[in-house]
Amino acid sequence: MEEDLSCAVCHDLYKDPVLLDCDHSFCRSCITQYWEEAGTTSCPICRKENPSRDLRPIRTLSNIVEMFVKSDKGDKIQQECSRHKEKLKLFCKTDNQPICVVCQSSKNQQNHELLPVEEAAEEFKDQSVKTEKQIKAQFEKLHQFLREEERIELEDLKLEKEKKSQEMKERIEKITEEISSLSVTVQEIEQELREQDNIKFLTL
């Protein structure tokens, strides 16, 4: 999952992800810096030129990264208290962090909602399942967005092709009409010349 949510330039989780015309995504700052250093607007992956420097933000992907980070933090619970070197047997829901029994007796923990680490872990697991479903749903939305973008681009390309084809057809028809008109004019001139030659012959 982390690999799918990482930028190909910095190899870290996406920060303000943007989409290029070739459908590859990068951190906005990464692709901007890459273009400045490379002196080109090509894609670092496929090398395809990006006609415009206007970058489209991918908010769906940003949401997915945010949910992944929250879920990942929940999985990385420390095993030992850094202050008291005691095992972290409790979890403070108020501060959203694990604590030891010594921390529990401090004034800072008064009126805080506490749970055994095992129960908190179960809650996190339930939350992880829910988050995973949300991430999958967001990924599907992202895929639908990309498929729709592709459909629109292909449709625009098709319309542009049909438009140019129609323009070319109209030009050919116009040129054909002009040629036909010139042919008629040439025939009329030739007829007039023949008639003039006959009259001149008779008047000799």
N, C-alpha and C. Protein backbone atom coordinates (compact mmCIF):
# COMPACT_ATOMS: atom_id res chain seq x y z
N MET A 1 0.83 -1.20 0.00
CA MET A 1 0.00 0.00 0.00
C MET A 1 0.87 1.26 0.00
N GLU A 2 1.93 1.25 0.86
CA GLU A 2 2.78 2.44 0.95
C GLU A 2 3.48 2.73 -0.37
N GLU A 3 3.87 1.66 -1.09
CA GLU A 3 4.52 1.83 -2.39
C GLU A 3 3.58 2.48 -3.39
N ASP A 4 2.30 2.09 -3.35
CA ASP A 4 1.31 2.65 -4.27
C ASP A 4 1.05 4.12 -3.97
N LEU A 5 1.30 4.53 -2.72
CA LEU A 5 1.01 5.90 -2.31
C LEU A 5 2.27 6.76 -2.26
N SER A 6 3.35 6.29 -2.89
CA SER A 6 4.62 7.02 -2.85
C SER A 6 4.94 7.65 -4.21
N CYS A 7 5.56 8.82 -4.13
CA CYS A 7 5.98 9.56 -5.33
C CYS A 7 7.20 8.90 -5.94
N ALA A 8 7.24 8.78 -7.26
CA ALA A 8 8.35 8.13 -7.94
C ALA A 8 9.63 8.97 -7.93
N VAL A 9 9.52 10.25 -7.57
CA VAL A 9 10.70 11.12 -7.55
C VAL A 9 11.36 11.11 -6.17
N CYS A 10 10.58 11.39 -5.11
CA CYS A 10 11.15 11.46 -3.76
C CYS A 10 11.03 10.13 -3.00
N HIS A 11 10.23 9.19 -3.54
CA HIS A 11 10.02 7.87 -2.93
C HIS A 11 9.42 7.97 -1.53
N ASP A 12 8.73 9.06 -1.28
CA ASP A 12 8.03 9.25 0.00
C ASP A 12 6.55 9.35 -0.29
N LEU A 13 5.72 9.32 0.76
CA LEU A 13 4.27 9.46 0.56
C LEU A 13 3.97 10.79 -0.15
N TYR A 14 2.96 10.76 -1.00
CA TYR A 14 2.60 11.95 -1.78
C TYR A 14 2.31 13.14 -0.86
N LYS A 15 2.80 14.30 -1.28
CA LYS A 15 2.45 15.57 -0.64
C LYS A 15 1.90 16.48 -1.72
N ASP A 16 0.64 16.84 -1.60
CA ASP A 16 -0.05 17.64 -2.63
C ASP A 16 0.11 16.99 -4.00
N PRO A 17 -0.39 15.75 -4.18
CA PRO A 17 -0.21 15.03 -5.44
C PRO A 17 -0.91 15.71 -6.62
N VAL A 18 -0.25 15.67 -7.79
CA VAL A 18 -0.82 16.26 -9.01
C VAL A 18 -0.72 15.24 -10.14
N LEU A 19 -1.57 15.42 -11.15
CA LEU A 19 -1.66 14.47 -12.26
C LEU A 19 -1.16 15.12 -13.55
N LEU A 20 -0.25 14.42 -14.26
CA LEU A 20 0.22 14.89 -15.57
C LEU A 20 -0.71 14.38 -16.67
N ASP A 21 -0.53 14.88 -17.88
CA ASP A 21 -1.37 14.47 -19.00
C ASP A 21 -1.20 12.99 -19.33
N CYS A 22 -0.06 12.41 -18.96
CA CYS A 22 0.21 10.99 -19.23
C CYS A 22 -0.37 10.09 -18.14
N ASP A 23 -1.09 10.69 -17.16
CA ASP A 23 -1.75 9.96 -16.07
C ASP A 23 -0.79 9.46 -14.99
N HIS A 24 0.46 9.95 -14.97
CA HIS A 24 1.37 9.64 -13.88
C HIS A 24 1.27 10.75 -12.84
N SER A 25 1.38 10.39 -11.58
CA SER A 25 1.21 11.36 -10.50
C SER A 25 2.49 11.54 -9.70
N PHE A 26 2.69 12.78 -9.18
CA PHE A 26 3.88 13.12 -8.40
C PHE A 26 3.50 14.17 -7.36
N CYS A 27 4.39 14.38 -6.38
CA CYS A 27 4.22 15.52 -5.49
C CYS A 27 4.38 16.79 -6.34
N ARG A 28 3.59 17.80 -6.02
CA ARG A 28 3.68 19.04 -6.80
C ARG A 28 5.10 19.62 -6.76
N SER A 29 5.70 19.68 -5.57
CA SER A 29 7.04 20.25 -5.43
C SER A 29 8.08 19.40 -6.15
N CYS A 30 7.90 18.06 -6.14
CA CYS A 30 8.87 17.17 -6.78
C CYS A 30 8.90 17.36 -8.29
N ILE A 31 7.73 17.38 -8.92
CA ILE A 31 7.69 17.50 -10.38
C ILE A 31 8.12 18.90 -10.82
N THR A 32 7.78 19.91 -10.02
CA THR A 32 8.19 21.28 -10.35
C THR A 32 9.72 21.41 -10.30
N GLN A 33 10.32 20.86 -9.24
CA GLN A 33 11.78 20.91 -9.10
C GLN A 33 12.45 20.08 -10.19
N TYR A 34 11.87 18.93 -10.52
CA TYR A 34 12.42 18.07 -11.59
C TYR A 34 12.45 18.82 -12.92
N TRP A 35 11.34 19.51 -13.24
CA TRP A 35 11.27 20.26 -14.50
C TRP A 35 12.31 21.37 -14.53
N GLU A 36 12.48 22.05 -13.39
CA GLU A 36 13.44 23.15 -13.34
C GLU A 36 14.86 22.63 -13.57
N GLU A 37 15.19 21.51 -12.94
CA GLU A 37 16.55 20.96 -13.07
C GLU A 37 16.78 20.34 -14.45
N ALA A 38 15.73 19.70 -15.00
CA ALA A 38 15.87 19.02 -16.30
C ALA A 38 15.72 19.98 -17.48
N GLY A 39 15.13 21.14 -17.23
CA GLY A 39 14.91 22.10 -18.31
C GLY A 39 13.89 21.61 -19.32
N THR A 40 12.98 20.76 -18.88
CA THR A 40 11.94 20.21 -19.76
C THR A 40 10.70 19.93 -18.94
N THR A 41 9.57 19.73 -19.62
CA THR A 41 8.33 19.40 -18.92
C THR A 41 7.92 17.95 -19.17
N SER A 42 8.92 17.09 -19.35
CA SER A 42 8.62 15.68 -19.61
C SER A 42 8.34 14.94 -18.31
N CYS A 43 7.67 13.80 -18.43
CA CYS A 43 7.35 12.95 -17.28
C CYS A 43 8.59 12.16 -16.88
N PRO A 44 8.96 12.13 -15.59
CA PRO A 44 10.14 11.39 -15.15
C PRO A 44 10.02 9.88 -15.38
N ILE A 45 8.80 9.37 -15.55
CA ILE A 45 8.61 7.93 -15.71
C ILE A 45 8.59 7.53 -17.19
N CYS A 46 7.67 8.12 -17.97
CA CYS A 46 7.50 7.71 -19.37
C CYS A 46 8.18 8.65 -20.36
N ARG A 47 8.72 9.79 -19.86
CA ARG A 47 9.42 10.79 -20.69
C ARG A 47 8.51 11.53 -21.66
N LYS A 48 7.20 11.35 -21.55
CA LYS A 48 6.28 12.05 -22.44
C LYS A 48 6.20 13.51 -22.05
N GLU A 49 6.23 14.40 -23.05
CA GLU A 49 6.17 15.84 -22.77
C GLU A 49 4.79 16.23 -22.25
N ASN A 50 4.78 17.09 -21.25
CA ASN A 50 3.54 17.63 -20.72
C ASN A 50 3.34 19.00 -21.36
N PRO A 51 2.36 19.16 -22.27
CA PRO A 51 2.21 20.41 -23.02
C PRO A 51 2.08 21.65 -22.15
N SER A 52 1.48 21.49 -20.98
CA SER A 52 1.23 22.64 -20.13
C SER A 52 1.86 22.45 -18.76
N ARG A 53 2.22 23.56 -18.13
CA ARG A 53 2.76 23.49 -16.77
C ARG A 53 1.65 23.54 -15.73
N ASP A 54 0.40 23.63 -16.18
CA ASP A 54 -0.73 23.61 -15.26
C ASP A 54 -0.90 22.19 -14.72
N LEU A 55 -0.83 22.04 -13.41
CA LEU A 55 -0.89 20.72 -12.77
C LEU A 55 -2.23 20.53 -12.08
N ARG A 56 -2.86 19.39 -12.37
CA ARG A 56 -4.18 19.10 -11.79
C ARG A 56 -4.04 18.39 -10.44
N PRO A 57 -4.54 18.98 -9.35
CA PRO A 57 -4.45 18.31 -8.04
C PRO A 57 -5.34 17.07 -8.00
N ILE A 58 -4.88 16.04 -7.27
CA ILE A 58 -5.67 14.82 -7.11
C ILE A 58 -6.12 14.76 -5.65
N ARG A 59 -7.26 15.36 -5.37
CA ARG A 59 -7.73 15.43 -3.98
C ARG A 59 -8.07 14.05 -3.42
N THR A 60 -8.56 13.18 -4.29
CA THR A 60 -8.89 11.82 -3.83
C THR A 60 -7.65 11.12 -3.32
N LEU A 61 -6.55 11.24 -4.03
CA LEU A 61 -5.30 10.61 -3.62
C LEU A 61 -4.78 11.24 -2.34
N SER A 62 -4.95 12.54 -2.18
CA SER A 62 -4.54 13.22 -0.95
C SER A 62 -5.29 12.64 0.25
N ASN A 63 -6.59 12.41 0.07
CA ASN A 63 -7.41 11.85 1.14
C ASN A 63 -6.94 10.43 1.49
N ILE A 64 -6.60 9.65 0.48
CA ILE A 64 -6.14 8.28 0.71
C ILE A 64 -4.84 8.29 1.52
N VAL A 65 -3.90 9.16 1.14
CA VAL A 65 -2.62 9.25 1.86
C VAL A 65 -2.86 9.66 3.31
N GLU A 66 -3.76 10.63 3.52
CA GLU A 66 -4.07 11.09 4.87
C GLU A 66 -4.63 9.96 5.73
N MET A 67 -5.55 9.18 5.17
CA MET A 67 -6.13 8.06 5.91
C MET A 67 -5.07 7.00 6.20
N PHE A 68 -4.18 6.76 5.24
CA PHE A 68 -3.13 5.75 5.42
C PHE A 68 -2.19 6.16 6.55
N VAL A 69 -1.82 7.44 6.59
CA VAL A 69 -0.92 7.94 7.63
C VAL A 69 -1.54 7.77 9.01
N LYS A 70 -2.84 8.11 9.12
CA LYS A 70 -3.53 7.96 10.41
C LYS A 70 -3.57 6.50 10.83
N SER A 71 -3.86 5.62 9.88
CA SER A 71 -3.93 4.19 10.18
C SER A 71 -2.55 3.64 10.56
N ASP A 72 -1.51 4.11 9.85
CA ASP A 72 -0.16 3.62 10.10
C ASP A 72 0.32 4.02 11.49
N LYS A 73 -0.05 5.23 11.91
CA LYS A 73 0.34 5.68 13.26
C LYS A 73 -0.29 4.81 14.33
N GLY A 74 -1.51 4.39 14.08
CA GLY A 74 -2.21 3.55 15.05
C GLY A 74 -1.55 2.20 15.21
N ASP A 75 -0.88 1.71 14.16
CA ASP A 75 -0.24 0.40 14.21
C ASP A 75 1.12 0.43 14.91
N LYS A 76 1.73 1.63 14.97
CA LYS A 76 3.09 1.73 15.51
C LYS A 76 3.07 2.16 16.98
N ILE A 77 2.46 1.38 17.81
CA ILE A 77 2.41 1.68 19.24
C ILE A 77 3.71 1.20 19.90
N GLN A 78 4.36 2.09 20.65
CA GLN A 78 5.61 1.71 21.31
C GLN A 78 5.34 0.67 22.40
N GLN A 79 6.36 -0.10 22.71
CA GLN A 79 6.23 -1.16 23.70
C GLN A 79 6.72 -0.73 25.09
N GLU A 80 7.46 0.37 25.19
CA GLU A 80 8.05 0.78 26.47
C GLU A 80 7.94 2.28 26.65
N CYS A 81 7.65 2.72 27.87
CA CYS A 81 7.53 4.14 28.17
C CYS A 81 8.91 4.79 28.11
N SER A 82 9.05 5.85 27.34
CA SER A 82 10.35 6.51 27.17
C SER A 82 10.78 7.25 28.44
N ARG A 83 9.81 7.63 29.29
CA ARG A 83 10.11 8.38 30.52
C ARG A 83 10.43 7.46 31.71
N HIS A 84 9.60 6.41 31.87
CA HIS A 84 9.74 5.56 33.06
C HIS A 84 10.29 4.18 32.77
N LYS A 85 10.51 3.88 31.50
CA LYS A 85 11.05 2.58 31.10
C LYS A 85 10.18 1.41 31.58
N GLU A 86 8.90 1.68 31.74
CA GLU A 86 7.95 0.64 32.12
C GLU A 86 7.16 0.21 30.87
N LYS A 87 6.60 -1.00 30.95
CA LYS A 87 5.80 -1.48 29.82
C LYS A 87 4.55 -0.62 29.67
N LEU A 88 4.19 -0.41 28.43
CA LEU A 88 3.01 0.40 28.14
C LEU A 88 1.77 -0.51 28.18
N LYS A 89 1.14 -0.53 29.34
CA LYS A 89 0.01 -1.44 29.54
C LYS A 89 -1.34 -0.75 29.35
N LEU A 90 -1.32 0.59 29.28
CA LEU A 90 -2.56 1.35 29.16
C LEU A 90 -2.50 2.26 27.93
N PHE A 91 -3.68 2.62 27.47
CA PHE A 91 -3.77 3.55 26.35
C PHE A 91 -4.70 4.69 26.74
N CYS A 92 -4.20 5.91 26.62
CA CYS A 92 -4.99 7.09 26.95
C CYS A 92 -5.72 7.57 25.69
N LYS A 93 -7.04 7.42 25.68
CA LYS A 93 -7.82 7.83 24.52
C LYS A 93 -7.90 9.35 24.42
N THR A 94 -7.77 10.02 25.59
CA THR A 94 -7.83 11.48 25.59
C THR A 94 -6.63 12.08 24.86
N ASP A 95 -5.43 11.53 25.16
CA ASP A 95 -4.20 12.02 24.53
C ASP A 95 -3.84 11.21 23.28
N ASN A 96 -4.59 10.14 23.05
CA ASN A 96 -4.34 9.26 21.90
C ASN A 96 -2.92 8.70 21.90
N GLN A 97 -2.49 8.17 23.05
CA GLN A 97 -1.16 7.59 23.14
C GLN A 97 -1.09 6.56 24.27
N PRO A 98 -0.19 5.56 24.16
CA PRO A 98 -0.05 4.55 25.20
C PRO A 98 0.73 5.11 26.39
N ILE A 99 0.43 4.63 27.58
CA ILE A 99 1.13 5.08 28.80
C ILE A 99 1.41 3.87 29.69
N CYS A 100 2.28 4.09 30.66
CA CYS A 100 2.56 3.04 31.63
C CYS A 100 1.79 3.31 32.91
N VAL A 101 1.89 2.40 33.90
CA VAL A 101 1.12 2.56 35.15
C VAL A 101 1.64 3.74 35.96
N VAL A 102 2.91 4.11 35.79
CA VAL A 102 3.47 5.28 36.49
C VAL A 102 2.86 6.56 35.92
N CYS A 103 2.76 6.59 34.59
CA CYS A 103 2.13 7.76 33.93
C CYS A 103 0.68 7.93 34.41
N GLN A 104 0.02 6.80 34.65
CA GLN A 104 -1.39 6.82 35.04
C GLN A 104 -1.61 7.59 36.33
N SER A 105 -0.65 7.54 37.22
CA SER A 105 -0.81 8.19 38.53
C SER A 105 -0.46 9.67 38.51
N SER A 106 0.03 10.17 37.36
CA SER A 106 0.41 11.59 37.29
C SER A 106 -0.83 12.48 37.19
N LYS A 107 -0.62 13.75 37.53
CA LYS A 107 -1.73 14.71 37.49
C LYS A 107 -2.22 14.93 36.07
N ASN A 108 -1.33 14.77 35.10
CA ASN A 108 -1.70 15.00 33.71
C ASN A 108 -2.75 14.02 33.21
N GLN A 109 -2.87 12.88 33.90
CA GLN A 109 -3.80 11.84 33.45
C GLN A 109 -5.13 11.84 34.19
N GLN A 110 -5.33 12.82 35.07
CA GLN A 110 -6.59 12.88 35.82
C GLN A 110 -7.77 13.14 34.88
N ASN A 111 -8.82 12.36 35.10
CA ASN A 111 -10.06 12.46 34.32
C ASN A 111 -9.88 12.09 32.84
N HIS A 112 -8.75 11.44 32.52
CA HIS A 112 -8.54 10.97 31.15
C HIS A 112 -9.16 9.59 30.98
N GLU A 113 -9.64 9.32 29.78
CA GLU A 113 -10.24 8.01 29.49
C GLU A 113 -9.12 7.03 29.14
N LEU A 114 -9.00 5.95 29.95
CA LEU A 114 -7.94 4.97 29.77
C LEU A 114 -8.52 3.60 29.42
N LEU A 115 -7.74 2.85 28.66
CA LEU A 115 -8.10 1.49 28.29
C LEU A 115 -6.87 0.60 28.38
N PRO A 116 -7.04 -0.69 28.69
CA PRO A 116 -5.91 -1.61 28.56
C PRO A 116 -5.43 -1.62 27.12
N VAL A 117 -4.12 -1.79 26.94
CA VAL A 117 -3.54 -1.76 25.61
C VAL A 117 -4.20 -2.78 24.69
N GLU A 118 -4.54 -3.96 25.23
CA GLU A 118 -5.15 -5.00 24.41
C GLU A 118 -6.49 -4.54 23.83
N GLU A 119 -7.31 -3.88 24.68
CA GLU A 119 -8.61 -3.39 24.21
C GLU A 119 -8.43 -2.26 23.19
N ALA A 120 -7.46 -1.39 23.46
CA ALA A 120 -7.19 -0.29 22.52
C ALA A 120 -6.73 -0.84 21.18
N ALA A 121 -5.90 -1.91 21.24
CA ALA A 121 -5.41 -2.53 20.01
C ALA A 121 -6.55 -3.10 19.19
N GLU A 122 -7.53 -3.70 19.88
CA GLU A 122 -8.70 -4.25 19.18
C GLU A 122 -9.49 -3.13 18.50
N GLU A 123 -9.62 -2.01 19.22
CA GLU A 123 -10.31 -0.86 18.61
C GLU A 123 -9.58 -0.37 17.37
N PHE A 124 -8.23 -0.32 17.47
CA PHE A 124 -7.43 0.12 16.33
C PHE A 124 -7.58 -0.84 15.16
N LYS A 125 -7.62 -2.15 15.48
CA LYS A 125 -7.78 -3.15 14.42
C LYS A 125 -9.11 -2.96 13.70
N ASP A 126 -10.18 -2.76 14.52
CA ASP A 126 -11.50 -2.50 13.91
C ASP A 126 -11.46 -1.25 13.04
N GLN A 127 -10.75 -0.21 13.58
CA GLN A 127 -10.63 1.03 12.83
C GLN A 127 -9.82 0.82 11.55
N SER A 128 -8.78 -0.05 11.64
CA SER A 128 -7.95 -0.33 10.47
C SER A 128 -8.74 -0.98 9.36
N VAL A 129 -9.63 -1.92 9.75
CA VAL A 129 -10.48 -2.58 8.76
C VAL A 129 -11.38 -1.56 8.08
N LYS A 130 -11.95 -0.67 8.90
CA LYS A 130 -12.82 0.38 8.35
C LYS A 130 -12.03 1.31 7.44
N THR A 131 -10.82 1.68 7.89
CA THR A 131 -9.97 2.57 7.09
C THR A 131 -9.57 1.91 5.78
N GLU A 132 -9.27 0.59 5.86
CA GLU A 132 -8.89 -0.13 4.64
C GLU A 132 -10.01 -0.11 3.62
N LYS A 133 -11.24 -0.30 4.10
CA LYS A 133 -12.40 -0.25 3.20
C LYS A 133 -12.54 1.13 2.59
N GLN A 134 -12.33 2.17 3.43
CA GLN A 134 -12.43 3.54 2.93
C GLN A 134 -11.35 3.81 1.88
N ILE A 135 -10.12 3.31 2.14
CA ILE A 135 -9.02 3.51 1.19
C ILE A 135 -9.34 2.83 -0.14
N LYS A 136 -9.86 1.58 -0.05
CA LYS A 136 -10.21 0.87 -1.27
C LYS A 136 -11.29 1.62 -2.05
N ALA A 137 -12.26 2.16 -1.30
CA ALA A 137 -13.33 2.91 -1.95
C ALA A 137 -12.77 4.17 -2.61
N GLN A 138 -11.82 4.84 -1.92
CA GLN A 138 -11.21 6.04 -2.48
C GLN A 138 -10.36 5.71 -3.71
N PHE A 139 -9.67 4.55 -3.64
CA PHE A 139 -8.88 4.11 -4.80
C PHE A 139 -9.78 3.86 -6.00
N GLU A 140 -10.94 3.25 -5.74
CA GLU A 140 -11.88 2.98 -6.83
C GLU A 140 -12.38 4.29 -7.43
N LYS A 141 -12.62 5.29 -6.56
CA LYS A 141 -13.03 6.61 -7.06
C LYS A 141 -11.93 7.21 -7.93
N LEU A 142 -10.67 7.03 -7.47
CA LEU A 142 -9.54 7.56 -8.23
C LEU A 142 -9.43 6.89 -9.59
N HIS A 143 -9.60 5.56 -9.60
CA HIS A 143 -9.56 4.82 -10.86
C HIS A 143 -10.69 5.26 -11.80
N GLN A 144 -11.88 5.46 -11.22
CA GLN A 144 -13.01 5.94 -12.03
C GLN A 144 -12.71 7.31 -12.60
N PHE A 145 -12.08 8.17 -11.78
CA PHE A 145 -11.72 9.51 -12.23
C PHE A 145 -10.76 9.44 -13.41
N LEU A 146 -9.73 8.56 -13.29
CA LEU A 146 -8.74 8.42 -14.36
C LEU A 146 -9.37 7.84 -15.63
N ARG A 147 -10.27 6.85 -15.43
CA ARG A 147 -10.95 6.27 -16.59
C ARG A 147 -11.83 7.31 -17.29
N GLU A 148 -12.49 8.15 -16.49
CA GLU A 148 -13.35 9.19 -17.07
C GLU A 148 -12.51 10.23 -17.80
N GLU A 149 -11.35 10.59 -17.20
CA GLU A 149 -10.44 11.52 -17.86
C GLU A 149 -9.97 10.97 -19.20
N GLU A 150 -9.65 9.67 -19.21
CA GLU A 150 -9.21 9.03 -20.45
C GLU A 150 -10.32 9.04 -21.49
N ARG A 151 -11.55 8.75 -21.05
CA ARG A 151 -12.69 8.73 -21.97
C ARG A 151 -12.90 10.11 -22.58
N ILE A 152 -12.82 11.15 -21.74
CA ILE A 152 -13.03 12.52 -22.22
C ILE A 152 -11.94 12.91 -23.21
N GLU A 153 -10.68 12.56 -22.88
CA GLU A 153 -9.57 12.89 -23.78
C GLU A 153 -9.74 12.20 -25.13
N LEU A 154 -10.12 10.91 -25.10
CA LEU A 154 -10.31 10.17 -26.35
C LEU A 154 -11.49 10.72 -27.14
N GLU A 155 -12.53 11.12 -26.43
CA GLU A 155 -13.71 11.68 -27.10
C GLU A 155 -13.36 13.01 -27.76
N ASP A 156 -12.59 13.85 -27.02
CA ASP A 156 -12.16 15.13 -27.59
C ASP A 156 -11.28 14.91 -28.82
N LEU A 157 -10.40 13.90 -28.72
CA LEU A 157 -9.52 13.60 -29.85
C LEU A 157 -10.32 13.14 -31.06
N LYS A 158 -11.35 12.32 -30.80
CA LYS A 158 -12.21 11.82 -31.87
C LYS A 158 -12.97 12.98 -32.53
N LEU A 159 -13.51 13.87 -31.70
CA LEU A 159 -14.26 15.02 -32.23
C LEU A 159 -13.35 15.92 -33.05
N GLU A 160 -12.12 16.12 -32.55
CA GLU A 160 -11.17 16.96 -33.28
C GLU A 160 -10.82 16.34 -34.63
N LYS A 161 -10.66 15.02 -34.63
CA LYS A 161 -10.35 14.30 -35.86
C LYS A 161 -11.50 14.41 -36.85
N GLU A 162 -12.73 14.24 -36.35
CA GLU A 162 -13.91 14.35 -37.22
C GLU A 162 -14.06 15.76 -37.77
N LYS A 163 -13.75 16.76 -36.91
CA LYS A 163 -13.84 18.15 -37.34
C LYS A 163 -12.85 18.44 -38.47
N LYS A 164 -11.61 17.98 -38.30
CA LYS A 164 -10.60 18.21 -39.33
C LYS A 164 -10.94 17.45 -40.61
N SER A 165 -11.50 16.25 -40.45
CA SER A 165 -11.89 15.46 -41.62
C SER A 165 -12.99 16.18 -42.40
N GLN A 166 -13.96 16.76 -41.67
CA GLN A 166 -15.05 17.48 -42.31
C GLN A 166 -14.54 18.73 -43.01
N GLU A 167 -13.60 19.44 -42.35
CA GLU A 167 -13.02 20.64 -42.96
C GLU A 167 -12.28 20.28 -44.25
N MET A 168 -11.54 19.17 -44.21
CA MET A 168 -10.82 18.74 -45.41
C MET A 168 -11.78 18.35 -46.53
N LYS A 169 -12.88 17.68 -46.15
CA LYS A 169 -13.88 17.29 -47.14
C LYS A 169 -14.50 18.52 -47.80
N GLU A 170 -14.81 19.53 -46.98
CA GLU A 170 -15.41 20.76 -47.52
C GLU A 170 -14.43 21.48 -48.45
N ARG A 171 -13.16 21.48 -48.09
CA ARG A 171 -12.15 22.13 -48.94
C ARG A 171 -12.03 21.42 -50.27
N ILE A 172 -12.05 20.08 -50.24
CA ILE A 172 -11.96 19.30 -51.48
C ILE A 172 -13.17 19.58 -52.36
N GLU A 173 -14.36 19.64 -51.74
CA GLU A 173 -15.58 19.92 -52.50
C GLU A 173 -15.51 21.31 -53.13
N LYS A 174 -15.00 22.29 -52.37
CA LYS A 174 -14.89 23.65 -52.89
C LYS A 174 -13.92 23.71 -54.07
N ILE A 175 -12.77 23.04 -53.91
CA ILE A 175 -11.77 23.03 -54.98
C ILE A 175 -12.34 22.33 -56.23
N THR A 176 -13.09 21.23 -56.00
CA THR A 176 -13.71 20.50 -57.12
C THR A 176 -14.69 21.40 -57.87
N GLU A 177 -15.48 22.17 -57.12
CA GLU A 177 -16.44 23.09 -57.74
C GLU A 177 -15.71 24.15 -58.55
N GLU A 178 -14.61 24.67 -58.01
CA GLU A 178 -13.84 25.70 -58.71
C GLU A 178 -13.25 25.14 -60.00
N ILE A 179 -12.73 23.91 -59.91
CA ILE A 179 -12.17 23.27 -61.11
C ILE A 179 -13.25 23.07 -62.16
N SER A 180 -14.43 22.63 -61.72
CA SER A 180 -15.55 22.42 -62.64
C SER A 180 -15.97 23.73 -63.30
N SER A 181 -16.01 24.80 -62.50
CA SER A 181 -16.38 26.11 -63.03
C SER A 181 -15.35 26.60 -64.05
N LEU A 182 -14.08 26.42 -63.74
CA LEU A 182 -13.02 26.82 -64.67
C LEU A 182 -13.08 26.02 -65.96
N SER A 183 -13.41 24.74 -65.83
CA SER A 183 -13.53 23.89 -67.02
C SER A 183 -14.62 24.39 -67.94
N VAL A 184 -15.75 24.78 -67.37
CA VAL A 184 -16.86 25.32 -68.17
C VAL A 184 -16.43 26.61 -68.85
N THR A 185 -15.73 27.46 -68.10
CA THR A 185 -15.27 28.73 -68.65
C THR A 185 -14.31 28.50 -69.83
N VAL A 186 -13.38 27.54 -69.66
CA VAL A 186 -12.43 27.22 -70.73
C VAL A 186 -13.17 26.74 -71.98
N GLN A 187 -14.17 25.89 -71.78
CA GLN A 187 -14.96 25.37 -72.92
C GLN A 187 -15.67 26.51 -73.65
N GLU A 188 -16.22 27.47 -72.88
CA GLU A 188 -16.91 28.61 -73.48
C GLU A 188 -15.94 29.47 -74.30
N ILE A 189 -14.75 29.68 -73.75
CA ILE A 189 -13.75 30.48 -74.46
C ILE A 189 -13.32 29.78 -75.75
N GLU A 190 -13.10 28.48 -75.66
CA GLU A 190 -12.72 27.72 -76.85
C GLU A 190 -13.81 27.79 -77.91
N GLN A 191 -15.08 27.73 -77.48
CA GLN A 191 -16.20 27.81 -78.43
C GLN A 191 -16.23 29.17 -79.11
N GLU A 192 -16.01 30.23 -78.34
CA GLU A 192 -15.99 31.58 -78.90
C GLU A 192 -14.86 31.73 -79.91
N LEU A 193 -13.72 31.19 -79.62
CA LEU A 193 -12.58 31.28 -80.53
C LEU A 193 -12.86 30.56 -81.84
N ARG A 194 -13.50 29.38 -81.74
CA ARG A 194 -13.83 28.62 -82.96
C ARG A 194 -14.82 29.40 -83.82
N GLU A 195 -15.83 30.02 -83.18
CA GLU A 195 -16.83 30.78 -83.92
C GLU A 195 -16.19 32.00 -84.59
N GLN A 196 -15.27 32.65 -83.86
CA GLN A 196 -14.60 33.81 -84.45
C GLN A 196 -13.76 33.41 -85.65
N ASP A 197 -13.08 32.27 -85.59
CA ASP A 197 -12.27 31.80 -86.70
C ASP A 197 -13.14 31.52 -87.93
N ASN A 198 -14.33 30.95 -87.72
CA ASN A 198 -15.23 30.64 -88.84
C ASN A 198 -15.69 31.91 -89.51
N ILE A 199 -16.05 32.92 -88.70
CA ILE A 199 -16.54 34.22 -89.27
C ILE A 199 -15.41 34.89 -90.05
N LYS A 200 -14.19 34.83 -89.48
CA LYS A 200 -13.06 35.45 -90.16
C LYS A 200 -12.77 34.76 -91.48
N PHE A 201 -12.93 33.43 -91.53
CA PHE A 201 -12.70 32.68 -92.75
C PHE A 201 -13.71 33.06 -93.83
N LEU A 202 -14.97 33.24 -93.42
CA LEU A 202 -16.04 33.56 -94.38
C LEU A 202 -15.91 34.98 -94.92
N THR A 203 -15.27 35.85 -94.17
CA THR A 203 -15.16 37.27 -94.60
C THR A 203 -13.94 37.52 -95.45
N LEU A 204 -13.12 36.48 -95.66
CA LEU A 204 -11.92 36.64 -96.48
C LEU A 204 -12.28 36.82 -97.95
